[in-house]
PDB file of N, CA and C in Angstrom:
ATOM      1  N   MET A   1     100.634  45.150  57.076  1.00  0.00           N
ATOM      2  CA  MET A   1     100.984  46.149  57.923  1.00  0.00           C
ATOM      3  C   MET A   1      99.504  46.821  57.863  1.00  0.00           C
ATOM      4  N   LYS A   2      99.310  47.307  59.357  1.00  0.00           N
ATOM      5  CA  LYS A   2      98.057  47.885  59.312  1.00  0.00           C
ATOM      6  C   LYS A   2      98.413  49.424  58.893  1.00  0.00           C
ATOM      7  N   PRO A   3      96.841  49.890  58.544  1.00  0.00           N
ATOM      8  CA  PRO A   3      96.987  51.522  57.875  1.00  0.00           C
ATOM      9  C   PRO A   3      97.455  52.312  59.176  1.00  0.00           C
ATOM     10  N   SER A   4      97.820  53.437  58.632  1.00  0.00           N
ATOM     11  CA  SER A   4      98.563  53.961  59.471  1.00  0.00           C
ATOM     12  C   SER A   4      97.847  55.502  60.201  1.00  0.00           C
ATOM     13  N   ARG A   5      97.656  55.615  61.711  1.00  0.00           N
ATOM     14  CA  ARG A   5      96.874  56.639  62.386  1.00  0.00           C
ATOM     15  C   ARG A   5      97.413  58.007  62.252  1.00  0.00           C
ATOM     16  N   LYS A   6      97.434  58.697  62.560  1.00  0.00           N
ATOM     17  CA  LYS A   6      97.724  60.268  62.605  1.00  0.00           C
ATOM     18  C   LYS A   6      98.178  60.013  63.681  1.00  0.00           C
ATOM     19  N   THR A   7      99.293  59.584  63.911  1.00  0.00           N
ATOM     20  CA  THR A   7      99.756  59.992  65.548  1.00  0.00           C
ATOM     21  C   THR A   7     100.504  60.619  65.644  1.00  0.00           C
ATOM     22  N   GLY A   8     100.966  61.260  64.542  1.00  0.00           N
ATOM     23  CA  GLY A   8     102.230  62.062  64.680  1.00  0.00           C
ATOM     24  C   GLY A   8     103.764  61.563  64.880  1.00  0.00           C
ATOM     25  N   ARG A   9     103.973  60.358  64.991  1.00  0.00           N
ATOM     26  CA  ARG A   9     104.563  59.460  64.691  1.00  0.00           C
ATOM     27  C   ARG A   9     105.607  58.721  63.691  1.00  0.00           C
ATOM     28  N   ILE A  10     106.868  58.503  63.699  1.00  0.00           N
ATOM     29  CA  ILE A  10     107.142  57.980  61.993  1.00  0.00           C
ATOM     30  C   ILE A  10     106.784  56.503  62.364  1.00  0.00           C
ATOM     31  N   GLN A  11     106.924  56.019  61.271  1.00  0.00           N
ATOM     32  CA  GLN A  11     106.286  54.539  61.251  1.00  0.00           C
ATOM     33  C   GLN A  11     107.657  54.023  60.869  1.00  0.00           C
ATOM     34  N   SER A  12     107.782  52.897  61.114  1.00  0.00           N
ATOM     35  CA  SER A  12     108.928  52.588  61.295  1.00  0.00           C
ATOM     36  C   SER A  12     108.860  50.998  60.832  1.00  0.00           C
ATOM     37  N   ASP A  13     109.559  50.154  59.871  1.00  0.00           N
ATOM     38  CA  ASP A  13     109.479  48.756  59.210  1.00  0.00           C
ATOM     39  C   ASP A  13     110.061  47.738  59.993  1.00  0.00           C
ATOM     40  N   ASP A  14     111.096  48.351  60.663  1.00  0.00           N
ATOM     41  CA  ASP A  14     111.856  47.717  61.272  1.00  0.00           C
ATOM     42  C   ASP A  14     111.078  47.358  63.198  1.00  0.00           C
ATOM     43  N   LYS A  15     111.258  45.885  63.325  1.00  0.00           N
ATOM     44  CA  LYS A  15     110.421  45.471  64.870  1.00  0.00           C
ATOM     45  C   LYS A  15     111.476  45.617  65.687  1.00  0.00           C
ATOM     46  N   GLY A  16     112.670  45.506  65.345  1.00  0.00           N
ATOM     47  CA  GLY A  16     113.765  45.902  66.535  1.00  0.00           C
ATOM     48  C   GLY A  16     113.965  47.361  66.613  1.00  0.00           C
ATOM     49  N   ALA A  17     113.696  48.483  65.974  1.00  0.00           N
ATOM     50  CA  ALA A  17     114.201  49.727  65.971  1.00  0.00           C
ATOM     51  C   ALA A  17     113.339  50.499  67.019  1.00  0.00           C
ATOM     52  N   PRO A  18     113.957  51.107  67.986  1.00  0.00           N
ATOM     53  CA  PRO A  18     113.795  51.774  69.389  1.00  0.00           C
ATOM     54  C   PRO A  18     112.679  53.232  68.782  1.00  0.00           C
ATOM     55  N   LEU A  19     111.168  53.086  69.276  1.00  0.00           N
ATOM     56  CA  LEU A  19     111.070  54.662  69.654  1.00  0.00           C
ATOM     57  C   LEU A  19     110.672  55.541  70.537  1.00  0.00           C
ATOM     58  N   THR A  20     111.851  55.275  71.325  1.00  0.00           N
ATOM     59  CA  THR A  20     112.304  56.189  72.609  1.00  0.00           C
ATOM     60  C   THR A  20     112.947  57.563  72.205  1.00  0.00           C
ATOM     61  N   SER A  21     113.394  57.623  70.975  1.00  0.00           N
ATOM     62  CA  SER A  21     114.077  58.972  70.183  1.00  0.00           C
ATOM     63  C   SER A  21     112.937  59.592  69.604  1.00  0.00           C
ATOM     64  N   ASP A  22     111.958  58.865  69.283  1.00  0.00           N
ATOM     65  CA  ASP A  22     110.570  59.833  69.041  1.00  0.00           C
ATOM     66  C   ASP A  22     109.950  60.197  69.851  1.00  0.00           C
ATOM     67  N   LEU A  23     109.788  59.420  70.675  1.00  0.00           N
ATOM     68  CA  LEU A  23     108.695  59.594  72.106  1.00  0.00           C
ATOM     69  C   LEU A  23     109.576  60.834  72.985  1.00  0.00           C
ATOM     70  N   ALA A  24     110.935  60.617  73.416  1.00  0.00           N
ATOM     71  CA  ALA A  24     111.203  61.925  73.764  1.00  0.00           C
ATOM     72  C   ALA A  24     110.914  63.256  73.318  1.00  0.00           C
ATOM     73  N   LYS A  25     111.237  63.343  71.746  1.00  0.00           N
ATOM     74  CA  LYS A  25     110.907  64.390  70.632  1.00  0.00           C
ATOM     75  C   LYS A  25     109.702  64.549  71.073  1.00  0.00           C
ATOM     76  N   ARG A  26     108.882  64.338  70.641  1.00  0.00           N
ATOM     77  CA  ARG A  26     106.943  64.521  70.757  1.00  0.00           C
ATOM     78  C   ARG A  26     106.793  64.741  72.122  1.00  0.00           C
ATOM     79  N   ILE A  27     107.790  64.441  73.334  1.00  0.00           N
ATOM     80  CA  ILE A  27     107.267  64.887  74.472  1.00  0.00           C
ATOM     81  C   ILE A  27     107.700  66.174  74.812  1.00  0.00           C
ATOM     82  N   ALA A  28     108.867  66.836  74.193  1.00  0.00           N
ATOM     83  CA  ALA A  28     109.527  68.150  74.150  1.00  0.00           C
ATOM     84  C   ALA A  28     108.762  68.872  73.649  1.00  0.00           C
ATOM     85  N   GLN A  29     107.887  68.792  72.000  1.00  0.00           N
ATOM     86  CA  GLN A  29     107.441  69.538  71.480  1.00  0.00           C
ATOM     87  C   GLN A  29     106.004  70.143  72.433  1.00  0.00           C
ATOM     88  N   ALA A  30     105.587  68.488  73.019  1.00  0.00           N
ATOM     89  CA  ALA A  30     104.156  68.833  73.564  1.00  0.00           C
ATOM     90  C   ALA A  30     104.267  69.944  74.881  1.00  0.00           C
ATOM     91  N   ARG A  31     104.940  69.610  75.442  1.00  0.00           N
ATOM     92  CA  ARG A  31     105.854  70.873  76.842  1.00  0.00           C
ATOM     93  C   ARG A  31     106.399  71.782  76.422  1.00  0.00           C
ATOM     94  N   ALA A  32     106.970  72.043  75.081  1.00  0.00           N
ATOM     95  CA  ALA A  32     106.524  73.420  74.305  1.00  0.00           C
ATOM     96  C   ALA A  32     105.605  74.112  74.312  1.00  0.00           C
ATOM     97  N   LYS A  33     104.738  73.369  74.096  1.00  0.00           N
ATOM     98  CA  LYS A  33     103.196  74.022  73.461  1.00  0.00           C
ATOM     99  C   LYS A  33     102.658  74.418  74.668  1.00  0.00           C
ATOM    100  N   GLU A  34     102.835  73.061  75.471  1.00  0.00           N
ATOM    101  CA  GLU A  34     101.504  73.795  77.128  1.00  0.00           C
ATOM    102  C   GLU A  34     102.571  74.935  77.519  1.00  0.00           C
ATOM    103  N   GLU A  35     103.806  74.824  77.605  1.00  0.00           N
ATOM    104  CA  GLU A  35     104.586  75.862  78.057  1.00  0.00           C
ATOM    105  C   GLU A  35     104.234  77.583  77.676  1.00  0.00           C
ATOM    106  N   ALA A  36     104.143  77.586  76.314  1.00  0.00           N
ATOM    107  CA  ALA A  36     103.848  78.524  75.651  1.00  0.00           C
ATOM    108  C   ALA A  36     102.328  78.982  75.770  1.00  0.00           C
ATOM    109  N   ALA A  37     101.328  77.984  75.905  1.00  0.00           N
ATOM    110  CA  ALA A  37     100.102  78.273  76.055  1.00  0.00           C
ATOM    111  C   ALA A  37      99.606  78.907  77.539  1.00  0.00           C
ATOM    112  N   GLU A  38     100.381  78.312  78.574  1.00  0.00           N
ATOM    113  CA  GLU A  38     100.474  79.092  79.995  1.00  0.00           C
ATOM    114  C   GLU A  38     100.740  80.272  79.902  1.00  0.00           C
ATOM    115  N   ALA A  39     102.355  80.455  79.216  1.00  0.00           N
ATOM    116  CA  ALA A  39     102.527  81.556  79.065  1.00  0.00           C
ATOM    117  C   ALA A  39     101.804  83.071  78.604  1.00  0.00           C
ATOM    118  N   ALA A  40     101.112  82.220  77.385  1.00  0.00           N
ATOM    119  CA  ALA A  40     100.200  83.138  76.994  1.00  0.00           C
ATOM    120  C   ALA A  40      98.801  83.470  77.956  1.00  0.00           C
ATOM    121  N   GLN A  41      98.293  82.281  78.442  1.00  0.00           N
ATOM    122  CA  GLN A  41      97.086  82.303  79.840  1.00  0.00           C
ATOM    123  C   GLN A  41      97.938  83.548  80.762  1.00  0.00           C
ATOM    124  N   SER A  42      99.010  83.473  81.193  1.00  0.00           N
ATOM    125  CA  SER A  42      99.527  84.211  82.220  1.00  0.00           C
ATOM    126  C   SER A  42      99.691  85.761  81.766  1.00  0.00           C
ATOM    127  N   ALA A  43     100.194  86.306  80.448  1.00  0.00           N
ATOM    128  CA  ALA A  43      99.870  87.314  80.265  1.00  0.00           C
ATOM    129  C   ALA A  43      98.532  87.880  79.926  1.00  0.00           C
ATOM    130  N   SER A  44      97.562  87.179  79.542  1.00  0.00           N
ATOM    131  CA  SER A  44      96.279  87.682  79.457  1.00  0.00           C
ATOM    132  C   SER A  44      95.537  87.612  80.719  1.00  0.00           C
ATOM    133  N   GLY A  45      96.256  86.817  81.529  1.00  0.00           N
ATOM    134  CA  GLY A  45      95.630  86.979  82.387  1.00  0.00           C
ATOM    135  C   GLY A  45      95.934  87.767  83.701  1.00  0.00           C
ATOM    136  N   SER A  46      96.886  88.686  83.554  1.00  0.00           N
ATOM    137  CA  SER A  46      97.498  89.643  84.216  1.00  0.00           C
ATOM    138  C   SER A  46      96.952  91.195  84.073  1.00  0.00           C
ATOM    139  N   ARG A  47      96.661  90.830  82.662  1.00  0.00           N
ATOM    140  CA  ARG A  47      95.903  91.776  82.179  1.00  0.00           C
ATOM    141  C   ARG A  47      94.785  92.149  82.471  1.00  0.00           C
ATOM    142  N   ASP A  48      93.966  91.473  82.698  1.00  0.00           N
ATOM    143  CA  ASP A  48      92.365  90.984  83.157  1.00  0.00           C
ATOM    144  C   ASP A  48      92.622  91.737  84.143  1.00  0.00           C
ATOM    145  N   MET A  49      91.632  92.638  85.162  1.00  0.00           N
ATOM    146  CA  MET A  49      91.477  93.161  86.164  1.00  0.00           C
ATOM    147  C   MET A  49      90.467  93.481  86.197  1.00  0.00           C
ATOM    148  N   SER A  50      89.656  93.318  87.538  1.00  0.00           N
ATOM    149  CA  SER A  50      87.893  93.330  87.878  1.00  0.00           C
ATOM    150  C   SER A  50      88.369  95.040  88.150  1.00  0.00           C
ATOM    151  N   ALA A  51      87.450  95.779  88.193  1.00  0.00           N
ATOM    152  CA  ALA A  51      87.088  97.514  88.209  1.00  0.00           C
ATOM    153  C   ALA A  51      87.585  97.500  89.824  1.00  0.00           C
ATOM    154  N   MET A  52      87.165  96.548  90.613  1.00  0.00           N
ATOM    155  CA  MET A  52      87.572  96.914  92.038  1.00  0.00           C
ATOM    156  C   MET A  52      89.359  96.904  92.249  1.00  0.00           C
ATOM    157  N   SER A  53      89.741  95.976  91.638  1.00  0.00           N
ATOM    158  CA  SER A  53      91.313  95.773  91.795  1.00  0.00           C
ATOM    159  C   SER A  53      91.848  96.871  90.959  1.00  0.00           C
ATOM    160  N   ARG A  54      91.345  97.211  89.974  1.00  0.00           N
ATOM    161  CA  ARG A  54      91.929  98.570  89.623  1.00  0.00           C
ATOM    162  C   ARG A  54      91.775  99.658  90.388  1.00  0.00           C
ATOM    163  N   GLY A  55      90.828  99.838  91.063  1.00  0.00           N
ATOM    164  CA  GLY A  55      90.305 101.204  91.996  1.00  0.00           C
ATOM    165  C   GLY A  55      91.582 101.076  93.220  1.00  0.00           C
ATOM    166  N   VAL A  56      91.885  99.936  93.645  1.00  0.00           N
ATOM    167  CA  VAL A  56      92.764  99.676  94.701  1.00  0.00           C
ATOM    168  C   VAL A  56      94.239 100.414  93.903  1.00  0.00           C
ATOM    169  N   ARG A  57      94.343  99.792  92.937  1.00  0.00           N
ATOM    170  CA  ARG A  57      95.927  99.929  92.464  1.00  0.00           C
ATOM    171  C   ARG A  57      95.962 101.421  92.440  1.00  0.00           C
ATOM    172  N   LEU A  58      95.261 101.924  91.686  1.00  0.00           N
ATOM    173  CA  LEU A  58      95.332 104.098  91.157  1.00  0.00           C
ATOM    174  C   LEU A  58      95.061 104.247  92.765  1.00  0.00           C
ATOM    175  N   GLY A  59      94.182 103.631  93.602  1.00  0.00           N
ATOM    176  CA  GLY A  59      94.198 104.783  94.930  1.00  0.00           C
ATOM    177  C   GLY A  59      95.126 104.654  95.540  1.00  0.00           C
ATOM    178  N   SER A  60      96.113 103.219  95.590  1.00  0.00           N
ATOM    179  CA  SER A  60      96.970 103.106  96.310  1.00  0.00           C
ATOM    180  C   SER A  60      97.975 104.054  95.659  1.00  0.00           C
ATOM    181  N   GLU A  61      98.703 103.826  94.537  1.00  0.00           N
ATOM    182  CA  GLU A  61      99.206 104.630  93.851  1.00  0.00           C
ATOM    183  C   GLU A  61      99.558 105.963  93.712  1.00  0.00           C
ATOM    184  N   PHE A  62      98.033 106.384  94.383  1.00  0.00           N
ATOM    185  CA  PHE A  62      98.168 108.038  94.286  1.00  0.00           C
ATOM    186  C   PHE A  62      98.813 108.815  96.103  1.00  0.00           C
ATOM    187  N   ILE A  63      97.931 107.623  96.643  1.00  0.00           N
ATOM    188  CA  ILE A  63      97.964 107.779  98.814  1.00  0.00           C
ATOM    189  C   ILE A  63      99.584 107.576  99.117  1.00  0.00           C
ATOM    190  N   ALA A  64     100.237 106.544  98.090  1.00  0.00           N
ATOM    191  CA  ALA A  64     101.807 106.483  98.591  1.00  0.00           C
ATOM    192  C   ALA A  64     102.716 107.272  97.813  1.00  0.00           C
ATOM    193  N   ALA A  65     102.334 107.867  96.945  1.00  0.00           N
ATOM    194  CA  ALA A  65     102.980 109.601  96.163  1.00  0.00           C
ATOM    195  C   ALA A  65     102.974 110.076  97.125  1.00  0.00           C
ATOM    196  N   ILE A  66     101.769 110.739  98.043  1.00  0.00           N
ATOM    197  CA  ILE A  66     101.579 111.912  98.869  1.00  0.00           C
ATOM    198  C   ILE A  66     102.390 111.467  99.996  1.00  0.00           C
ATOM    199  N   LEU A  67     102.116 110.095 100.316  1.00  0.00           N
ATOM    200  CA  LEU A  67     102.791 110.014 101.575  1.00  0.00           C
ATOM    201  C   LEU A  67     104.223 109.958 101.833  1.00  0.00           C
ATOM    202  N   VAL A  68     104.697 109.520 100.529  1.00  0.00           N
ATOM    203  CA  VAL A  68     106.234 109.973 100.111  1.00  0.00           C
ATOM    204  C   VAL A  68     106.842 111.101 100.073  1.00  0.00           C
ATOM    205  N   GLY A  69     106.159 111.899  99.693  1.00  0.00           N
ATOM    206  CA  GLY A  69     106.250 113.336  99.349  1.00  0.00           C
ATOM    207  C   GLY A  69     106.108 113.604 100.811  1.00  0.00           C
ATOM    208  N   ALA A  70     105.747 113.607 101.400  1.00  0.00           N
ATOM    209  CA  ALA A  70     105.311 114.570 102.919  1.00  0.00           C
ATOM    210  C   ALA A  70     105.983 113.764 103.915  1.00  0.00           C
ATOM    211  N   GLY A  71     106.756 112.676 103.350  1.00  0.00           N
ATOM    212  CA  GLY A  71     107.620 111.846 104.430  1.00  0.00           C
ATOM    213  C   GLY A  71     109.131 112.628 104.523  1.00  0.00           C
ATOM    214  N   ILE A  72     109.378 112.966 102.990  1.00  0.00           N
ATOM    215  CA  ILE A  72     110.732 113.527 102.611  1.00  0.00           C
ATOM    216  C   ILE A  72     110.786 114.774 103.560  1.00  0.00           C
ATOM    217  N   GLY A  73     109.453 115.833 103.050  1.00  0.00           N
ATOM    218  CA  GLY A  73     109.278 116.979 103.470  1.00  0.00           C
ATOM    219  C   GLY A  73     109.640 117.222 104.730  1.00  0.00           C
ATOM    220  N   TYR A  74     108.815 116.144 105.574  1.00  0.00           N
ATOM    221  CA  TYR A  74     109.167 116.014 107.229  1.00  0.00           C
ATOM    222  C   TYR A  74     110.189 116.105 107.681  1.00  0.00           C
ATOM    223  N   LEU A  75     111.244 115.144 106.838  1.00  0.00           N
ATOM    224  CA  LEU A  75     112.308 114.839 106.945  1.00  0.00           C
ATOM    225  C   LEU A  75     113.717 115.676 106.845  1.00  0.00           C
ATOM    226  N   LEU A  76     113.306 116.552 105.997  1.00  0.00           N
ATOM    227  CA  LEU A  76     114.381 117.930 105.463  1.00  0.00           C
ATOM    228  C   LEU A  76     113.735 118.650 106.010  1.00  0.00           C
ATOM    229  N   ASP A  77     112.645 119.242 106.873  1.00  0.00           N
ATOM    230  CA  ASP A  77     112.445 119.924 107.787  1.00  0.00           C
ATOM    231  C   ASP A  77     112.896 119.618 109.207  1.00  0.00           C
ATOM    232  N   GLN A  78     112.985 118.846 109.461  1.00  0.00           N
ATOM    233  CA  GLN A  78     113.641 118.138 110.769  1.00  0.00           C
ATOM    234  C   GLN A  78     115.314 118.579 111.063  1.00  0.00           C
ATOM    235  N   TRP A  79     115.640 118.070 109.578  1.00  0.00           N
ATOM    236  CA  TRP A  79     117.143 118.255 109.431  1.00  0.00           C
ATOM    237  C   TRP A  79     117.575 119.568 109.204  1.00  0.00           C
ATOM    238  N   LEU A  80     116.790 120.409 108.135  1.00  0.00           N
ATOM    239  CA  LEU A  80     117.236 121.589 107.966  1.00  0.00           C
ATOM    240  C   LEU A  80     116.699 123.016 108.828  1.00  0.00           C
ATOM    241  N   LYS A  81     115.877 122.836 109.794  1.00  0.00           N
ATOM    242  CA  LYS A  81     114.949 123.530 110.972  1.00  0.00           C
ATOM    243  C   LYS A  81     114.211 124.447 110.079  1.00  0.00           C
ATOM    244  N   THR A  82     113.366 124.132 108.725  1.00  0.00           N
ATOM    245  CA  THR A  82     112.622 125.112 107.971  1.00  0.00           C
ATOM    246  C   THR A  82     111.001 124.651 108.453  1.00  0.00           C
ATOM    247  N   SER A  83     110.636 124.186 109.448  1.00  0.00           N
ATOM    248  CA  SER A  83     109.263 123.728 109.526  1.00  0.00           C
ATOM    249  C   SER A  83     108.371 124.565 109.398  1.00  0.00           C
ATOM    250  N   PRO A  84     107.294 124.307 108.885  1.00  0.00           N
ATOM    251  CA  PRO A  84     106.558 123.156 107.798  1.00  0.00           C
ATOM    252  C   PRO A  84     106.800 123.729 106.543  1.00  0.00           C
ATOM    253  N   TRP A  85     107.785 124.323 106.103  1.00  0.00           N
ATOM    254  CA  TRP A  85     107.680 125.001 104.283  1.00  0.00           C
ATOM    255  C   TRP A  85     108.464 123.517 103.737  1.00  0.00           C
ATOM    256  N   LEU A  86     109.128 123.011 103.997  1.00  0.00           N
ATOM    257  CA  LEU A  86     109.395 121.896 103.196  1.00  0.00           C
ATOM    258  C   LEU A  86     108.744 121.027 102.818  1.00  0.00           C
ATOM    259  N   MET A  87     107.969 120.680 104.449  1.00  0.00           N
ATOM    260  CA  MET A  87     106.529 119.415 104.301  1.00  0.00           C
ATOM    261  C   MET A  87     105.396 119.661 103.222  1.00  0.00           C
ATOM    262  N   LEU A  88     105.400 120.983 103.350  1.00  0.00           N
ATOM    263  CA  LEU A  88     104.097 121.440 102.546  1.00  0.00           C
ATOM    264  C   LEU A  88     104.513 121.530 100.894  1.00  0.00           C
ATOM    265  N   VAL A  89     105.803 121.910 100.554  1.00  0.00           N
ATOM    266  CA  VAL A  89     106.429 121.930  99.356  1.00  0.00           C
ATOM    267  C   VAL A  89     106.220 120.488  98.888  1.00  0.00           C
ATOM    268  N   MET A  90     106.920 119.402  99.571  1.00  0.00           N
ATOM    269  CA  MET A  90     107.090 118.097  99.255  1.00  0.00           C
ATOM    270  C   MET A  90     105.317 117.775  99.238  1.00  0.00           C
ATOM    271  N   LEU A  91     104.882 118.031  99.891  1.00  0.00           N
ATOM    272  CA  LEU A  91     103.398 117.369  99.796  1.00  0.00           C
ATOM    273  C   LEU A  91     102.926 117.749  98.661  1.00  0.00           C
ATOM    274  N   MET A  92     103.094 118.731  97.713  1.00  0.00           N
ATOM    275  CA  MET A  92     102.363 119.138  96.539  1.00  0.00           C
ATOM    276  C   MET A  92     103.434 118.449  95.442  1.00  0.00           C
ATOM    277  N   VAL A  93     104.578 118.104  95.963  1.00  0.00           N
ATOM    278  CA  VAL A  93     105.271 117.705  94.793  1.00  0.00           C
ATOM    279  C   VAL A  93     105.018 115.926  94.833  1.00  0.00           C
ATOM    280  N   GLY A  94     104.454 115.508  96.173  1.00  0.00           N
ATOM    281  CA  GLY A  94     104.093 114.299  96.092  1.00  0.00           C
ATOM    282  C   GLY A  94     102.447 113.936  95.271  1.00  0.00           C
ATOM    283  N   PHE A  95     101.514 115.366  95.747  1.00  0.00           N
ATOM    284  CA  PHE A  95     100.578 115.512  95.042  1.00  0.00           C
ATOM    285  C   PHE A  95     100.482 115.172  93.450  1.00  0.00           C
ATOM    286  N   ALA A  96     101.235 115.793  92.988  1.00  0.00           N
ATOM    287  CA  ALA A  96     101.568 116.111  91.574  1.00  0.00           C
ATOM    288  C   ALA A  96     101.965 115.109  91.003  1.00  0.00           C
ATOM    289  N   ALA A  97     102.808 113.994  91.366  1.00  0.00           N
ATOM    290  CA  ALA A  97     103.490 112.518  91.193  1.00  0.00           C
ATOM    291  C   ALA A  97     102.400 111.676  91.251  1.00  0.00           C
ATOM    292  N   GLY A  98     101.525 111.867  92.323  1.00  0.00           N
ATOM    293  CA  GLY A  98     100.410 110.495  92.155  1.00  0.00           C
ATOM    294  C   GLY A  98      99.737 110.650  91.337  1.00  0.00           C
ATOM    295  N   VAL A  99      98.944 112.429  91.024  1.00  0.00           N
ATOM    296  CA  VAL A  99      98.262 112.002  89.639  1.00  0.00           C
ATOM    297  C   VAL A  99      98.854 111.961  88.895  1.00  0.00           C
ATOM    298  N   LEU A 100     100.274 112.306  88.340  1.00  0.00           N
ATOM    299  CA  LEU A 100     100.945 111.814  87.260  1.00  0.00           C
ATOM    300  C   LEU A 100     101.062 110.165  87.442  1.00  0.00           C
ATOM    301  N   ASN A 101     101.096 109.400  88.538  1.00  0.00           N
ATOM    302  CA  ASN A 101     101.150 108.121  88.450  1.00  0.00           C
ATOM    303  C   ASN A 101      99.883 107.727  88.463  1.00  0.00           C
ATOM    304  N   VAL A 102      98.620 108.305  88.474  1.00  0.00           N
ATOM    305  CA  VAL A 102      97.423 107.683  87.859  1.00  0.00           C
ATOM    306  C   VAL A 102      97.113 107.819  86.666  1.00  0.00           C
ATOM    307  N   VAL A 103      97.355 108.881  86.339  1.00  0.00           N
ATOM    308  CA  VAL A 103      97.088 109.265  84.589  1.00  0.00           C
ATOM    309  C   VAL A 103      98.205 107.685  84.031  1.00  0.00           C
ATOM    310  N   ARG A 104      99.457 108.014  84.260  1.00  0.00           N
ATOM    311  CA  ARG A 104      99.674 107.199  83.387  1.00  0.00           C
ATOM    312  C   ARG A 104      99.702 105.160  83.846  1.00  0.00           C
ATOM    313  N   SER A 105      99.136 105.258  84.567  1.00  0.00           N
ATOM    314  CA  SER A 105      98.761 103.124  85.066  1.00  0.00           C
ATOM    315  C   SER A 105      97.340 103.521  84.522  1.00  0.00           C
ATOM    316  N   ALA A 106      96.134 104.480  84.362  1.00  0.00           N
ATOM    317  CA  ALA A 106      95.395 104.582  83.762  1.00  0.00           C
ATOM    318  C   ALA A 106      95.104 104.341  82.442  1.00  0.00           C
ATOM    319  N   ALA A 107      96.484 105.132  81.522  1.00  0.00           N
ATOM    320  CA  ALA A 107      96.260 104.693  80.207  1.00  0.00           C
ATOM    321  C   ALA A 107      96.859 103.572  79.649  1.00  0.00           C
ATOM    322  N   GLU A 108      97.938 102.894  80.866  1.00  0.00           N
ATOM    323  CA  GLU A 108      98.466 101.734  80.634  1.00  0.00           C
ATOM    324  C   GLU A 108      97.141 100.267  80.929  1.00  0.00           C
ATOM    325  N   MET A 109      96.412 100.677  81.586  1.00  0.00           N
ATOM    326  CA  MET A 109      95.502  99.865  81.863  1.00  0.00           C
ATOM    327  C   MET A 109      94.721  99.878  80.864  1.00  0.00           C
ATOM    328  N   ASN A 110      94.170 100.964  80.139  1.00  0.00           N
ATOM    329  CA  ASN A 110      93.618 101.013  78.618  1.00  0.00           C
ATOM    330  C   ASN A 110      93.774 100.626  77.607  1.00  0.00           C
ATOM    331  N   ARG A 111      95.005 100.775  77.486  1.00  0.00           N
ATOM    332  CA  ARG A 111      95.905 100.068  76.336  1.00  0.00           C
ATOM    333  C   ARG A 111      95.519  98.724  76.476  1.00  0.00           C
ATOM    334  N   ALA A 112      95.965  97.736  77.708  1.00  0.00           N
ATOM    335  CA  ALA A 112      95.883  96.527  77.818  1.00  0.00           C
ATOM    336  C   ALA A 112      94.522  95.815  77.650  1.00  0.00           C
ATOM    337  N   ALA A 113      93.546  96.825  77.605  1.00  0.00           N
ATOM    338  CA  ALA A 113      92.419  96.015  77.914  1.00  0.00           C
ATOM    339  C   ALA A 113      91.502  96.065  76.688  1.00  0.00           C
ATOM    340  N   PRO A 114      90.698  94.991  76.310  1.00  0.00           N
ATOM    341  CA  PRO A 114      90.470  94.418  74.593  1.00  0.00           C
ATOM    342  C   PRO A 114      89.720  96.037  74.184  1.00  0.00           C
ATOM    343  N   PRO A 115      89.085  95.997  73.017  1.00  0.00           N
ATOM    344  CA  PRO A 115      88.791  97.236  72.562  1.00  0.00           C
ATOM    345  C   PRO A 115      86.961  96.653  72.752  1.00  0.00           C
ATOM    346  N   PRO A 116      86.511  97.463  73.154  1.00  0.00           N
ATOM    347  CA  PRO A 116      84.488  97.429  73.205  1.00  0.00           C
ATOM    348  C   PRO A 116      83.926  96.841  72.320  1.00  0.00           C
ATOM    349  N   THR A 117      83.330  96.072  72.187  1.00  0.00           N
ATOM    350  CA  THR A 117      82.211  95.461  71.295  1.00  0.00           C
ATOM    351  C   THR A 117      81.036  96.314  71.350  1.00  0.00           C
ATOM    352  N   ALA A 118      80.508  95.792  70.493  1.00  0.00           N
ATOM    353  CA  ALA A 118      78.759  96.722  69.880  1.00  0.00           C
ATOM    354  C   ALA A 118      77.928  96.103  71.136  1.00  0.00           C
ATOM    355  N   ALA A 119      78.148  95.030  71.741  1.00  0.00           N
ATOM    356  CA  ALA A 119      76.942  94.903  73.332  1.00  0.00           C
ATOM    357  C   ALA A 119      77.423  95.689  74.027  1.00  0.00           C
ATOM    358  N   MET A 120      78.662  96.128  74.297  1.00  0.00           N
ATOM    359  CA  MET A 120      79.099  96.997  75.272  1.00  0.00           C
ATOM    360  C   MET A 120      79.252  98.636  75.183  1.00  0.00           C
ATOM    361  N   ARG A 121      79.186  98.959  74.108  1.00  0.00           N
ATOM    362  CA  ARG A 121      78.644 100.576  73.642  1.00  0.00           C
ATOM    363  C   ARG A 121      77.740 101.066  74.015  1.00  0.00           C
ATOM    364  N   VAL A 122      77.704 102.027  74.834  1.00  0.00           N
ATOM    365  CA  VAL A 122      76.901 102.758  75.327  1.00  0.00           C
ATOM    366  C   VAL A 122      75.888 103.577  74.138  1.00  0.00           C
ATOM    367  N   PRO A 123      74.625 103.833  73.821  1.00  0.00           N
ATOM    368  CA  PRO A 123      74.573 104.404  72.659  1.00  0.00           C
ATOM    369  C   PRO A 123      74.071 106.259  73.261  1.00  0.00           C
ATOM    370  N   ASP A 124      74.726 107.169  72.355  1.00  0.00           N
ATOM    371  CA  ASP A 124      74.810 108.373  72.496  1.00  0.00           C
ATOM    372  C   ASP A 124      73.364 109.067  72.263  1.00  0.00           C
ATOM    373  N   ASP A 125      73.160 110.189  72.554  1.00  0.00           N
ATOM    374  CA  ASP A 125      71.975 111.126  71.853  1.00  0.00           C
ATOM    375  C   ASP A 125      71.768 110.673  70.714  1.00  0.00           C
ATOM    376  N   LYS A 126      72.948 110.823  69.641  1.00  0.00           N
ATOM    377  CA  LYS A 126      72.510 110.680  68.331  1.00  0.00           C
ATOM    378  C   LYS A 126      71.992 109.627  67.733  1.00  0.00           C
ATOM    379  N   GLU A 127      72.290 108.454  68.367  1.00  0.00           N
ATOM    380  CA  GLU A 127      72.117 107.106  68.134  1.00  0.00           C
ATOM    381  C   GLU A 127      70.467 106.995  68.459  1.00  0.00           C
ATOM    382  N   ASP A 128      70.130 107.583  69.327  1.00  0.00           N
ATOM    383  CA  ASP A 128      68.835 107.244  69.950  1.00  0.00           C
ATOM    384  C   ASP A 128      68.071 107.776  68.910  1.00  0.00           C
ATOM    385  N   GLU A 129      67.863 108.731  68.325  1.00  0.00           N
ATOM    386  CA  GLU A 129      67.243 109.135  67.374  1.00  0.00           C
ATOM    387  C   GLU A 129      66.397 108.159  66.179  1.00  0.00           C
TER     388      GLU A 129
END
């Protein structure tokens, strides 16, 4: 018998013993490892955002909240005949909601970002001396 290579398969002395069950098990294990690696990569890939995409996301959330507030206020003004007061009030509510959304999203992005390394730090005045 030849010396065993580290292939991960079960060595069998039987010449007629099928290795298909062992092969199927190893294929299933390899697929599971590959799927886990892909899932980890996609999770880390969604966290990595460029500065441009962060700015577009935060800006669009802010503008969307203002437009939704103004739209609801306009519709309420048309329905209740209180023009322009409800639109102005809802515009301010939309502005506040937009600021809240931006702060919440920025905090979430900062939590997901990796901590800065020593090379990324900018020295302050105390470190310059």
